[in-house]
Amino acid sequence: MMDPTTDNAGQTGDPGNARAALEALRAEIAKAVVGQDPAVTGLVVALLCRGHVLLEGVPGVAKTLLVRALASALELDTKRVQFTPDLMPSDVTGSLVYDARTAEFSFQPGPVFTNLLLADEINRTPPKTQSSLLEAMEERQVTVDGTPRPLPEPFLVAATQNPVEYEGTYPLPEAQLDRFLLKLTIPLPSRQDEIDVLTRHASGFNPRDLRAAGVRPVANAADLDAARAAVAKTTVSPEITAYVVDICRATRESPSLTLGVSPRGATALLATSRAWAWLTGRDYVTPDDVKALALPTLRHRVQLRPEAEMEGVTADSVINAILAHVPVPR
């Protein structure tokens, strides 16, 4: 792992340097966020896969701080949208504005025209505004007045939400959920982690000033390009491909689910498994890689039957049962 105090400028284009830069992201984020290693890993995997991330957790578990720390550790353009009940789609995508001097309409880009968009508390805005991100997340463009406008590359949406059982929230529709590569659950910290959080605050840590906390850029777009090129070369055997398909098909046959994983979900699981394999230093995918990414990649792509939900069954428990049942290739 590279020393996070070493300047990363100029170390681009090489997969080894790219892996070191992405590993250094963890060290930078850890300056602001205690614990939450699975969520940090998920964000890095999403960057490698050109995917989007939904972070879910109760208020106060550092969801927004986690994304802000990631943005501060990347040399990428970042914008934030606070989703509220009165937010309009044009507030996200942009709109045509009349210029009296030229007597013409000109396009005023919205905050979605960035590399890393923090969609904060996305489920506090109605579905109409939530849907403004559908085209951007899938096709990486925004169409206004019939004209498609491409988004910058790289482009990643990191959305936060509170659980839907809390007041003032709107559940995301299935079409929106399916466009997120990963759904990461942010748990309450352990006792020791919470002690560390309070100790930092007692020592003067200010979560609104990450630069003062020492968080600085250690990776850039060139590092991501080199890393993605290396991930694309990671070998996937026919047995692993069949294993991924069998897992996803099993969700469609589960008696606890009304909606199973689509082929898009199977493709996503294969992509995240390759990224995780590369991050751990291998150029081939194993069944353990698939198992490691199955929950965050699939949990938001299935829908529980009401009777199963009343019995306390969760999406995670169904997927874990499927992983235990589907034969693992040798």
C-alpha atoms as a PDB file:
ATOM      1  CA  MET A   1       0.000   0.000   0.000  1.00  0.00           C
ATOM      2  CA  MET A   2       1.381   3.405  -0.938  1.00  0.00           C
ATOM      3  CA  ASP A   3       2.144   5.962   1.717  1.00  0.00           C
ATOM      4  CA  PRO A   4      -0.841   8.340   1.748  1.00  0.00           C
ATOM      5  CA  THR A   5       1.558  11.213   2.367  1.00  0.00           C
ATOM      6  CA  THR A   6       3.348  10.533  -0.923  1.00  0.00           C
ATOM      7  CA  ASP A   7       2.304  12.710  -3.838  1.00  0.00           C
ATOM      8  CA  ASN A   8       0.429  10.656  -6.398  1.00  0.00           C
ATOM      9  CA  ALA A   9       0.899  13.169  -9.212  1.00  0.00           C
ATOM     10  CA  GLY A  10       2.568  11.687 -12.228  1.00  0.00           C
ATOM     11  CA  GLN A  11       1.982   8.096 -11.135  1.00  0.00           C
ATOM     12  CA  THR A  12      -0.676   7.385 -13.719  1.00  0.00           C
ATOM     13  CA  GLY A  13      -1.332   4.825 -16.372  1.00  0.00           C
ATOM     14  CA  ASP A  14       0.266   1.906 -14.503  1.00  0.00           C
ATOM     15  CA  PRO A  15      -2.062  -0.714 -12.950  1.00  0.00           C
ATOM     16  CA  GLY A  16       0.247  -1.185  -9.976  1.00  0.00           C
ATOM     17  CA  ASN A  17       0.296   2.527  -9.200  1.00  0.00           C
ATOM     18  CA  ALA A  18      -3.458   2.667  -9.794  1.00  0.00           C
ATOM     19  CA  ARG A  19      -4.083  -0.097  -7.249  1.00  0.00           C
ATOM     20  CA  ALA A  20      -1.854   1.697  -4.748  1.00  0.00           C
ATOM     21  CA  ALA A  21      -3.718   4.948  -5.325  1.00  0.00           C
ATOM     22  CA  LEU A  22      -7.093   3.305  -4.736  1.00  0.00           C
ATOM     23  CA  GLU A  23      -5.773   1.604  -1.609  1.00  0.00           C
ATOM     24  CA  ALA A  24      -4.598   5.013  -0.405  1.00  0.00           C
ATOM     25  CA  LEU A  25      -8.195   6.208  -0.648  1.00  0.00           C
ATOM     26  CA  ARG A  26      -8.979   4.038   2.356  1.00  0.00           C
ATOM     27  CA  ALA A  27      -6.310   5.751   4.449  1.00  0.00           C
ATOM     28  CA  GLU A  28      -7.562   9.209   3.489  1.00  0.00           C
ATOM     29  CA  ILE A  29     -11.212   8.381   4.184  1.00  0.00           C
ATOM     30  CA  ALA A  30     -10.226   6.866   7.536  1.00  0.00           C
ATOM     31  CA  LYS A  31      -9.011  10.326   8.588  1.00  0.00           C
ATOM     32  CA  ALA A  32     -12.641  11.432   8.587  1.00  0.00           C
ATOM     33  CA  VAL A  33     -14.731   8.260   9.050  1.00  0.00           C
ATOM     34  CA  VAL A  34     -14.144   5.634  11.727  1.00  0.00           C
ATOM     35  CA  GLY A  35     -14.784   2.043  10.639  1.00  0.00           C
ATOM     36  CA  GLN A  36     -17.256   1.417   7.793  1.00  0.00           C
ATOM     37  CA  ASP A  37     -14.614  -0.516   5.810  1.00  0.00           C
ATOM     38  CA  PRO A  38     -17.243  -2.476   3.798  1.00  0.00           C
ATOM     39  CA  ALA A  39     -18.833   0.771   2.648  1.00  0.00           C
ATOM     40  CA  VAL A  40     -15.464   2.240   1.657  1.00  0.00           C
ATOM     41  CA  THR A  41     -14.677  -0.925  -0.309  1.00  0.00           C
ATOM     42  CA  GLY A  42     -18.067  -0.739  -2.007  1.00  0.00           C
ATOM     43  CA  LEU A  43     -17.448   2.832  -3.133  1.00  0.00           C
ATOM     44  CA  VAL A  44     -14.085   1.861  -4.620  1.00  0.00           C
ATOM     45  CA  VAL A  45     -15.643  -1.129  -6.399  1.00  0.00           C
ATOM     46  CA  ALA A  46     -18.316   1.151  -7.856  1.00  0.00           C
ATOM     47  CA  LEU A  47     -15.642   3.502  -9.186  1.00  0.00           C
ATOM     48  CA  LEU A  48     -13.933   0.580 -10.909  1.00  0.00           C
ATOM     49  CA  CYS A  49     -17.203  -0.659 -12.426  1.00  0.00           C
ATOM     50  CA  ARG A  50     -18.540   2.750 -13.526  1.00  0.00           C
ATOM     51  CA  GLY A  51     -21.488   2.087 -11.231  1.00  0.00           C
ATOM     52  CA  HIS A  52     -23.569   4.040  -8.746  1.00  0.00           C
ATOM     53  CA  VAL A  53     -23.996   3.482  -5.016  1.00  0.00           C
ATOM     54  CA  LEU A  54     -26.953   3.763  -2.655  1.00  0.00           C
ATOM     55  CA  LEU A  55     -26.010   4.108   1.014  1.00  0.00           C
ATOM     56  CA  GLU A  56     -28.761   3.374   3.520  1.00  0.00           C
ATOM     57  CA  GLY A  57     -28.694   3.908   7.252  1.00  0.00           C
ATOM     58  CA  VAL A  58     -30.347   5.759  10.096  1.00  0.00           C
ATOM     59  CA  PRO A  59     -29.530   9.457  10.508  1.00  0.00           C
ATOM     60  CA  GLY A  60     -26.177  10.195  12.081  1.00  0.00           C
ATOM     61  CA  VAL A  61     -24.045   7.245  10.909  1.00  0.00           C
ATOM     62  CA  ALA A  62     -21.800   9.338   8.607  1.00  0.00           C
ATOM     63  CA  LYS A  63     -23.357   8.462   5.246  1.00  0.00           C
ATOM     64  CA  THR A  64     -22.872  11.953   3.852  1.00  0.00           C
ATOM     65  CA  LEU A  65     -19.482  12.364   5.528  1.00  0.00           C
ATOM     66  CA  LEU A  66     -18.312   9.132   3.910  1.00  0.00           C
ATOM     67  CA  VAL A  67     -19.102  10.386   0.409  1.00  0.00           C
ATOM     68  CA  ARG A  68     -17.636  13.821   1.134  1.00  0.00           C
ATOM     69  CA  ALA A  69     -14.429  12.176   2.351  1.00  0.00           C
ATOM     70  CA  LEU A  70     -14.267  10.086  -0.844  1.00  0.00           C
ATOM     71  CA  ALA A  71     -14.721  13.232  -2.934  1.00  0.00           C
ATOM     72  CA  SER A  72     -11.963  15.011  -1.016  1.00  0.00           C
ATOM     73  CA  ALA A  73      -9.576  12.102  -1.644  1.00  0.00           C
ATOM     74  CA  LEU A  74     -10.208  12.158  -5.407  1.00  0.00           C
ATOM     75  CA  GLU A  75      -9.031  14.747  -7.915  1.00  0.00           C
ATOM     76  CA  LEU A  76     -12.497  14.873  -9.456  1.00  0.00           C
ATOM     77  CA  ASP A  77     -15.185  17.512  -9.786  1.00  0.00           C
ATOM     78  CA  THR A  78     -17.868  17.009  -7.135  1.00  0.00           C
ATOM     79  CA  LYS A  79     -21.297  18.519  -6.572  1.00  0.00           C
ATOM     80  CA  ARG A  80     -23.976  17.930  -3.965  1.00  0.00           C
ATOM     81  CA  VAL A  81     -27.766  18.063  -4.199  1.00  0.00           C
ATOM     82  CA  GLN A  82     -29.853  18.073  -1.037  1.00  0.00           C
ATOM     83  CA  PHE A  83     -33.035  16.259  -2.050  1.00  0.00           C
ATOM     84  CA  THR A  84     -36.131  17.874  -0.529  1.00  0.00           C
ATOM     85  CA  PRO A  85     -39.896  17.515  -1.141  1.00  0.00           C
ATOM     86  CA  ASP A  86     -39.998  20.709  -3.232  1.00  0.00           C
ATOM     87  CA  LEU A  87     -36.982  19.898  -5.457  1.00  0.00           C
ATOM     88  CA  MET A  88     -37.797  19.934  -9.180  1.00  0.00           C
ATOM     89  CA  PRO A  89     -36.209  17.726 -11.893  1.00  0.00           C
ATOM     90  CA  SER A  90     -34.718  20.792 -13.582  1.00  0.00           C
ATOM     91  CA  ASP A  91     -32.946  21.641 -10.320  1.00  0.00           C
ATOM     92  CA  VAL A  92     -30.921  18.467 -10.894  1.00  0.00           C
ATOM     93  CA  THR A  93     -30.533  18.213 -14.663  1.00  0.00           C
ATOM     94  CA  GLY A  94     -30.528  21.871 -15.672  1.00  0.00           C
ATOM     95  CA  SER A  95     -32.875  23.862 -17.897  1.00  0.00           C
ATOM     96  CA  LEU A  96     -33.138  26.299 -20.787  1.00  0.00           C
ATOM     97  CA  VAL A  97     -32.785  29.909 -19.694  1.00  0.00           C
ATOM     98  CA  TYR A  98     -33.853  32.886 -21.815  1.00  0.00           C
ATOM     99  CA  ASP A  99     -31.088  35.402 -22.451  1.00  0.00           C
ATOM    100  CA  ALA A 100     -32.636  38.826 -23.099  1.00  0.00           C
ATOM    101  CA  ARG A 101     -29.394  40.163 -24.573  1.00  0.00           C
ATOM    102  CA  THR A 102     -29.309  37.586 -27.375  1.00  0.00           C
ATOM    103  CA  ALA A 103     -33.059  36.883 -27.457  1.00  0.00           C
ATOM    104  CA  GLU A 104     -32.203  33.164 -27.356  1.00  0.00           C
ATOM    105  CA  PHE A 105     -32.540  30.267 -24.954  1.00  0.00           C
ATOM    106  CA  SER A 106     -29.318  28.803 -23.598  1.00  0.00           C
ATOM    107  CA  PHE A 107     -28.831  25.649 -21.580  1.00  0.00           C
ATOM    108  CA  GLN A 108     -27.842  26.121 -17.945  1.00  0.00           C
ATOM    109  CA  PRO A 109     -26.309  22.829 -16.704  1.00  0.00           C
ATOM    110  CA  GLY A 110     -27.542  21.434 -13.409  1.00  0.00           C
ATOM    111  CA  PRO A 111     -25.393  19.874 -10.678  1.00  0.00           C
ATOM    112  CA  VAL A 112     -25.640  16.458 -12.382  1.00  0.00           C
ATOM    113  CA  PHE A 113     -22.927  17.663 -14.777  1.00  0.00           C
ATOM    114  CA  THR A 114     -20.050  16.586 -12.564  1.00  0.00           C
ATOM    115  CA  ASN A 115     -17.822  13.553 -11.898  1.00  0.00           C
ATOM    116  CA  LEU A 116     -19.161  12.639  -8.459  1.00  0.00           C
ATOM    117  CA  LEU A 117     -22.718  13.629  -7.578  1.00  0.00           C
ATOM    118  CA  LEU A 118     -23.739  13.361  -3.936  1.00  0.00           C
ATOM    119  CA  ALA A 119     -27.512  12.883  -3.964  1.00  0.00           C
ATOM    120  CA  ASP A 120     -28.128  13.461  -0.291  1.00  0.00           C
ATOM    121  CA  GLU A 121     -31.265  11.883   1.214  1.00  0.00           C
ATOM    122  CA  ILE A 122     -32.582  10.929  -2.203  1.00  0.00           C
ATOM    123  CA  ASN A 123     -35.725   9.349  -0.771  1.00  0.00           C
ATOM    124  CA  ARG A 124     -36.927  12.656   0.710  1.00  0.00           C
ATOM    125  CA  THR A 125     -37.991  13.906  -2.724  1.00  0.00           C
ATOM    126  CA  PRO A 126     -41.042  12.642  -4.689  1.00  0.00           C
ATOM    127  CA  PRO A 127     -40.616   9.987  -7.412  1.00  0.00           C
ATOM    128  CA  LYS A 128     -40.914  12.592 -10.190  1.00  0.00           C
ATOM    129  CA  THR A 129     -37.683  14.241  -9.102  1.00  0.00           C
ATOM    130  CA  GLN A 130     -36.020  10.918  -8.274  1.00  0.00           C
ATOM    131  CA  SER A 131     -36.663   9.877 -11.872  1.00  0.00           C
ATOM    132  CA  SER A 132     -34.679  12.835 -13.172  1.00  0.00           C
ATOM    133  CA  LEU A 133     -31.568  10.729 -12.569  1.00  0.00           C
ATOM    134  CA  LEU A 134     -32.724   7.661 -14.527  1.00  0.00           C
ATOM    135  CA  GLU A 135     -31.287   8.694 -17.890  1.00  0.00           C
ATOM    136  CA  ALA A 136     -28.151  10.139 -16.326  1.00  0.00           C
ATOM    137  CA  MET A 137     -27.376   6.961 -14.382  1.00  0.00           C
ATOM    138  CA  GLU A 138     -28.043   4.541 -17.227  1.00  0.00           C
ATOM    139  CA  GLU A 139     -27.025   6.408 -20.389  1.00  0.00           C
ATOM    140  CA  ARG A 140     -24.697   9.006 -18.842  1.00  0.00           C
ATOM    141  CA  GLN A 141     -26.440  11.833 -20.596  1.00  0.00           C
ATOM    142  CA  VAL A 142     -29.251  14.302 -19.956  1.00  0.00           C
ATOM    143  CA  THR A 143     -31.886  15.186 -22.550  1.00  0.00           C
ATOM    144  CA  VAL A 144     -33.382  18.663 -22.297  1.00  0.00           C
ATOM    145  CA  ASP A 145     -35.733  20.007 -24.979  1.00  0.00           C
ATOM    146  CA  GLY A 146     -34.985  16.984 -27.157  1.00  0.00           C
ATOM    147  CA  THR A 147     -31.216  17.497 -27.139  1.00  0.00           C
ATOM    148  CA  PRO A 148     -29.040  14.857 -25.427  1.00  0.00           C
ATOM    149  CA  ARG A 149     -26.079  16.267 -23.539  1.00  0.00           C
ATOM    150  CA  PRO A 150     -23.307  13.880 -22.420  1.00  0.00           C
ATOM    151  CA  LEU A 151     -22.114  13.870 -18.828  1.00  0.00           C
ATOM    152  CA  PRO A 152     -18.436  14.087 -17.846  1.00  0.00           C
ATOM    153  CA  GLU A 153     -16.372  10.931 -17.506  1.00  0.00           C
ATOM    154  CA  PRO A 154     -16.040   9.463 -14.954  1.00  0.00           C
ATOM    155  CA  PHE A 155     -19.557   9.919 -13.580  1.00  0.00           C
ATOM    156  CA  LEU A 156     -20.826   8.375 -10.362  1.00  0.00           C
ATOM    157  CA  VAL A 157     -23.948   8.985  -8.288  1.00  0.00           C
ATOM    158  CA  ALA A 158     -23.515   8.332  -4.583  1.00  0.00           C
ATOM    159  CA  ALA A 159     -26.964   8.606  -3.016  1.00  0.00           C
ATOM    160  CA  THR A 160     -27.822   8.433   0.656  1.00  0.00           C
ATOM    161  CA  GLN A 161     -31.180   7.519   2.125  1.00  0.00           C
ATOM    162  CA  ASN A 162     -32.824   6.806   5.447  1.00  0.00           C
ATOM    163  CA  PRO A 163     -34.821   3.591   5.832  1.00  0.00           C
ATOM    164  CA  VAL A 164     -38.312   3.938   4.341  1.00  0.00           C
ATOM    165  CA  GLU A 165     -40.016   3.263   7.649  1.00  0.00           C
ATOM    166  CA  TYR A 166     -38.957   6.741   8.794  1.00  0.00           C
ATOM    167  CA  GLU A 167     -41.405   9.613   8.316  1.00  0.00           C
ATOM    168  CA  GLY A 168     -41.069  11.975   5.370  1.00  0.00           C
ATOM    169  CA  THR A 169     -39.532   9.496   2.931  1.00  0.00           C
ATOM    170  CA  TYR A 170     -40.581   8.147  -0.476  1.00  0.00           C
ATOM    171  CA  PRO A 171     -39.521   4.574  -1.401  1.00  0.00           C
ATOM    172  CA  LEU A 172     -37.422   4.420  -4.541  1.00  0.00           C
ATOM    173  CA  PRO A 173     -39.179   2.642  -7.453  1.00  0.00           C
ATOM    174  CA  GLU A 174     -37.721  -0.635  -8.732  1.00  0.00           C
ATOM    175  CA  ALA A 175     -36.482   0.980 -11.963  1.00  0.00           C
ATOM    176  CA  GLN A 176     -34.496   3.501  -9.943  1.00  0.00           C
ATOM    177  CA  LEU A 177     -33.088   0.920  -7.540  1.00  0.00           C
ATOM    178  CA  ASP A 178     -31.953  -1.322 -10.391  1.00  0.00           C
ATOM    179  CA  ARG A 179     -29.724   1.446 -11.706  1.00  0.00           C
ATOM    180  CA  PHE A 180     -27.618   1.393  -8.560  1.00  0.00           C
ATOM    181  CA  LEU A 181     -24.740  -1.023  -8.855  1.00  0.00           C
ATOM    182  CA  LEU A 182     -24.533  -1.487  -5.075  1.00  0.00           C
ATOM    183  CA  LYS A 183     -26.710  -0.888  -2.051  1.00  0.00           C
ATOM    184  CA  LEU A 184     -24.533  -0.499   1.015  1.00  0.00           C
ATOM    185  CA  THR A 185     -26.067  -0.590   4.475  1.00  0.00           C
ATOM    186  CA  ILE A 186     -24.346   1.657   7.008  1.00  0.00           C
ATOM    187  CA  PRO A 187     -24.741   0.129  10.486  1.00  0.00           C
ATOM    188  CA  LEU A 188     -24.446   1.839  13.844  1.00  0.00           C
ATOM    189  CA  PRO A 189     -20.796   1.803  14.986  1.00  0.00           C
ATOM    190  CA  SER A 190     -19.427  -0.661  17.480  1.00  0.00           C
ATOM    191  CA  ARG A 191     -18.771   0.540  21.016  1.00  0.00           C
ATOM    192  CA  GLN A 192     -15.059   1.017  20.370  1.00  0.00           C
ATOM    193  CA  ASP A 193     -15.654   2.821  17.078  1.00  0.00           C
ATOM    194  CA  GLU A 194     -18.109   5.146  18.794  1.00  0.00           C
ATOM    195  CA  ILE A 195     -15.534   5.861  21.500  1.00  0.00           C
ATOM    196  CA  ASP A 196     -13.020   6.696  18.748  1.00  0.00           C
ATOM    197  CA  VAL A 197     -15.541   9.050  17.104  1.00  0.00           C
ATOM    198  CA  LEU A 198     -16.139  10.940  20.334  1.00  0.00           C
ATOM    199  CA  THR A 199     -12.400  11.055  21.054  1.00  0.00           C
ATOM    200  CA  ARG A 200     -11.784  12.678  17.679  1.00  0.00           C
ATOM    201  CA  HIS A 201     -14.478  15.271  18.269  1.00  0.00           C
ATOM    202  CA  ALA A 202     -13.096  15.997  21.741  1.00  0.00           C
ATOM    203  CA  SER A 203      -9.718  16.602  20.083  1.00  0.00           C
ATOM    204  CA  GLY A 204     -11.180  19.216  17.750  1.00  0.00           C
ATOM    205  CA  PHE A 205     -12.209  17.218  14.663  1.00  0.00           C
ATOM    206  CA  ASN A 206     -14.595  19.235  12.494  1.00  0.00           C
ATOM    207  CA  PRO A 207     -16.550  17.083   9.998  1.00  0.00           C
ATOM    208  CA  ARG A 208     -17.355  20.210   7.970  1.00  0.00           C
ATOM    209  CA  ASP A 209     -13.655  20.928   7.326  1.00  0.00           C
ATOM    210  CA  LEU A 210     -12.093  17.799   5.866  1.00  0.00           C
ATOM    211  CA  ARG A 211      -9.031  19.666   4.642  1.00  0.00           C
ATOM    212  CA  ALA A 212      -8.188  20.572   8.230  1.00  0.00           C
ATOM    213  CA  ALA A 213      -8.583  16.885   9.090  1.00  0.00           C
ATOM    214  CA  GLY A 214      -5.815  16.130   6.596  1.00  0.00           C
ATOM    215  CA  VAL A 215      -7.912  14.529   3.842  1.00  0.00           C
ATOM    216  CA  ARG A 216      -6.310  15.287   0.488  1.00  0.00           C
ATOM    217  CA  PRO A 217      -6.484  13.955  -3.093  1.00  0.00           C
ATOM    218  CA  VAL A 218      -4.505  10.753  -3.672  1.00  0.00           C
ATOM    219  CA  ALA A 219      -6.143   9.432  -6.884  1.00  0.00           C
ATOM    220  CA  ASN A 220      -7.330  10.963 -10.127  1.00  0.00           C
ATOM    221  CA  ALA A 221      -9.134  10.100 -13.362  1.00  0.00           C
ATOM    222  CA  ALA A 222      -6.003   8.619 -14.943  1.00  0.00           C
ATOM    223  CA  ASP A 223      -5.649   6.218 -12.015  1.00  0.00           C
ATOM    224  CA  LEU A 224      -9.252   5.130 -12.511  1.00  0.00           C
ATOM    225  CA  ASP A 225      -8.692   4.590 -16.241  1.00  0.00           C
ATOM    226  CA  ALA A 226      -5.636   2.417 -15.594  1.00  0.00           C
ATOM    227  CA  ALA A 227      -7.438   0.449 -12.887  1.00  0.00           C
ATOM    228  CA  ARG A 228     -10.505  -0.127 -15.058  1.00  0.00           C
ATOM    229  CA  ALA A 229      -8.325  -1.358 -17.917  1.00  0.00           C
ATOM    230  CA  ALA A 230      -6.687  -3.849 -15.550  1.00  0.00           C
ATOM    231  CA  VAL A 231     -10.059  -5.006 -14.181  1.00  0.00           C
ATOM    232  CA  ALA A 232     -11.243  -5.637 -17.757  1.00  0.00           C
ATOM    233  CA  LYS A 233      -8.382  -8.125 -18.155  1.00  0.00           C
ATOM    234  CA  THR A 234      -9.347 -10.109 -15.059  1.00  0.00           C
ATOM    235  CA  THR A 235     -10.126 -13.675 -16.126  1.00  0.00           C
ATOM    236  CA  VAL A 236     -13.590 -15.135 -15.591  1.00  0.00           C
ATOM    237  CA  SER A 237     -13.902 -18.880 -16.174  1.00  0.00           C
ATOM    238  CA  PRO A 238     -17.056 -20.417 -17.695  1.00  0.00           C
ATOM    239  CA  GLU A 239     -17.706 -22.101 -14.345  1.00  0.00           C
ATOM    240  CA  ILE A 240     -17.756 -18.738 -12.541  1.00  0.00           C
ATOM    241  CA  THR A 241     -20.066 -17.265 -15.163  1.00  0.00           C
ATOM    242  CA  ALA A 242     -22.456 -20.194 -14.719  1.00  0.00           C
ATOM    243  CA  TYR A 243     -22.229 -19.795 -10.921  1.00  0.00           C
ATOM    244  CA  VAL A 244     -23.323 -16.150 -11.152  1.00  0.00           C
ATOM    245  CA  VAL A 245     -26.209 -17.083 -13.446  1.00  0.00           C
ATOM    246  CA  ASP A 246     -27.329 -19.907 -11.132  1.00  0.00           C
ATOM    247  CA  ILE A 247     -27.392 -17.563  -8.125  1.00  0.00           C
ATOM    248  CA  CYS A 248     -29.473 -14.969  -9.946  1.00  0.00           C
ATOM    249  CA  ARG A 249     -31.860 -17.536 -11.417  1.00  0.00           C
ATOM    250  CA  ALA A 250     -32.385 -19.006  -7.951  1.00  0.00           C
ATOM    251  CA  THR A 251     -33.735 -15.652  -6.751  1.00  0.00           C
ATOM    252  CA  ARG A 252     -36.431 -15.811  -9.438  1.00  0.00           C
ATOM    253  CA  GLU A 253     -37.545 -19.193  -8.100  1.00  0.00           C
ATOM    254  CA  SER A 254     -37.472 -18.310  -4.399  1.00  0.00           C
ATOM    255  CA  PRO A 255     -40.887 -18.674  -2.701  1.00  0.00           C
ATOM    256  CA  SER A 256     -40.032 -15.683  -0.498  1.00  0.00           C
ATOM    257  CA  LEU A 257     -39.667 -13.266  -3.411  1.00  0.00           C
ATOM    258  CA  THR A 258     -42.102 -11.696  -5.856  1.00  0.00           C
ATOM    259  CA  LEU A 259     -39.257 -10.196  -7.889  1.00  0.00           C
ATOM    260  CA  GLY A 260     -35.921 -11.854  -8.560  1.00  0.00           C
ATOM    261  CA  VAL A 261     -32.660 -10.558  -9.999  1.00  0.00           C
ATOM    262  CA  SER A 262     -32.762  -9.503 -13.648  1.00  0.00           C
ATOM    263  CA  PRO A 263     -30.022 -10.214 -16.221  1.00  0.00           C
ATOM    264  CA  ARG A 264     -28.765  -6.682 -15.518  1.00  0.00           C
ATOM    265  CA  GLY A 265     -28.244  -7.752 -11.921  1.00  0.00           C
ATOM    266  CA  ALA A 266     -26.296 -10.829 -13.036  1.00  0.00           C
ATOM    267  CA  THR A 267     -24.073  -8.631 -15.185  1.00  0.00           C
ATOM    268  CA  ALA A 268     -23.543  -6.313 -12.213  1.00  0.00           C
ATOM    269  CA  LEU A 269     -22.539  -9.208  -9.941  1.00  0.00           C
ATOM    270  CA  LEU A 270     -19.997 -10.408 -12.477  1.00  0.00           C
ATOM    271  CA  ALA A 271     -18.552  -6.893 -12.801  1.00  0.00           C
ATOM    272  CA  THR A 272     -18.261  -6.280  -9.061  1.00  0.00           C
ATOM    273  CA  SER A 273     -16.681  -9.711  -8.536  1.00  0.00           C
ATOM    274  CA  ARG A 274     -14.004  -8.904 -11.133  1.00  0.00           C
ATOM    275  CA  ALA A 275     -13.289  -5.552  -9.505  1.00  0.00           C
ATOM    276  CA  TRP A 276     -12.988  -7.143  -6.058  1.00  0.00           C
ATOM    277  CA  ALA A 277     -10.671  -9.856  -7.408  1.00  0.00           C
ATOM    278  CA  TRP A 278      -8.380  -7.212  -8.911  1.00  0.00           C
ATOM    279  CA  LEU A 279      -8.403  -5.125  -5.728  1.00  0.00           C
ATOM    280  CA  THR A 280      -7.279  -8.144  -3.726  1.00  0.00           C
ATOM    281  CA  GLY A 281      -4.347  -8.693  -6.089  1.00  0.00           C
ATOM    282  CA  ARG A 282      -5.590 -11.474  -8.374  1.00  0.00           C
ATOM    283  CA  ASP A 283      -6.152 -11.560 -12.134  1.00  0.00           C
ATOM    284  CA  TYR A 284      -8.917 -14.176 -11.946  1.00  0.00           C
ATOM    285  CA  VAL A 285     -12.290 -14.449 -10.193  1.00  0.00           C
ATOM    286  CA  THR A 286     -13.069 -17.090  -7.557  1.00  0.00           C
ATOM    287  CA  PRO A 287     -16.422 -18.185  -6.077  1.00  0.00           C
ATOM    288  CA  ASP A 288     -15.459 -16.347  -2.885  1.00  0.00           C
ATOM    289  CA  ASP A 289     -15.301 -13.090  -4.853  1.00  0.00           C
ATOM    290  CA  VAL A 290     -18.847 -13.690  -6.055  1.00  0.00           C
ATOM    291  CA  LYS A 291     -20.051 -14.466  -2.530  1.00  0.00           C
ATOM    292  CA  ALA A 292     -18.331 -11.374  -1.117  1.00  0.00           C
ATOM    293  CA  LEU A 293     -20.206  -9.017  -3.460  1.00  0.00           C
ATOM    294  CA  ALA A 294     -23.531 -10.883  -3.716  1.00  0.00           C
ATOM    295  CA  LEU A 295     -25.331  -9.063  -0.899  1.00  0.00           C
ATOM    296  CA  PRO A 296     -24.510  -5.446  -1.798  1.00  0.00           C
ATOM    297  CA  THR A 297     -25.015  -6.137  -5.518  1.00  0.00           C
ATOM    298  CA  LEU A 298     -28.306  -8.031  -5.275  1.00  0.00           C
ATOM    299  CA  ARG A 299     -30.162  -6.988  -2.092  1.00  0.00           C
ATOM    300  CA  HIS A 300     -31.907  -4.019  -3.740  1.00  0.00           C
ATOM    301  CA  ARG A 301     -32.838  -5.960  -6.894  1.00  0.00           C
ATOM    302  CA  VAL A 302     -35.221  -8.400  -5.191  1.00  0.00           C
ATOM    303  CA  GLN A 303     -38.669  -7.831  -3.708  1.00  0.00           C
ATOM    304  CA  LEU A 304     -40.012  -9.763  -0.738  1.00  0.00           C
ATOM    305  CA  ARG A 305     -43.496 -11.235  -0.575  1.00  0.00           C
ATOM    306  CA  PRO A 306     -45.596  -9.395   2.025  1.00  0.00           C
ATOM    307  CA  GLU A 307     -46.156 -12.576   4.043  1.00  0.00           C
ATOM    308  CA  ALA A 308     -42.406 -13.296   4.107  1.00  0.00           C
ATOM    309  CA  GLU A 309     -41.700  -9.747   5.241  1.00  0.00           C
ATOM    310  CA  MET A 310     -44.246 -10.094   8.045  1.00  0.00           C
ATOM    311  CA  GLU A 311     -42.430 -13.222   9.208  1.00  0.00           C
ATOM    312  CA  GLY A 312     -39.176 -11.260   9.541  1.00  0.00           C
ATOM    313  CA  VAL A 313     -37.553 -12.514   6.351  1.00  0.00           C
ATOM    314  CA  THR A 314     -35.121 -10.036   4.789  1.00  0.00           C
ATOM    315  CA  ALA A 315     -33.571  -9.762   1.349  1.00  0.00           C
ATOM    316  CA  ASP A 316     -30.174 -10.500   2.878  1.00  0.00           C
ATOM    317  CA  SER A 317     -31.398 -13.695   4.548  1.00  0.00           C
ATOM    318  CA  VAL A 318     -32.931 -14.941   1.280  1.00  0.00           C
ATOM    319  CA  ILE A 319     -29.722 -14.264  -0.668  1.00  0.00           C
ATOM    320  CA  ASN A 320     -27.594 -15.909   2.031  1.00  0.00           C
ATOM    321  CA  ALA A 321     -29.820 -18.992   1.881  1.00  0.00           C
ATOM    322  CA  ILE A 322     -29.414 -19.106  -1.895  1.00  0.00           C
ATOM    323  CA  LEU A 323     -25.632 -18.799  -1.607  1.00  0.00           C
ATOM    324  CA  ALA A 324     -25.655 -21.740   0.808  1.00  0.00           C
ATOM    325  CA  HIS A 325     -27.798 -23.812  -1.570  1.00  0.00           C
ATOM    326  CA  VAL A 326     -26.342 -23.148  -5.039  1.00  0.00           C
ATOM    327  CA  PRO A 327     -23.474 -25.585  -5.789  1.00  0.00           C
ATOM    328  CA  VAL A 328     -20.080 -23.899  -5.730  1.00  0.00           C
ATOM    329  CA  PRO A 329     -17.813 -24.675  -8.711  1.00  0.00           C
ATOM    330  CA  ARG A 330     -14.504 -26.301  -7.932  1.00  0.00           C
END
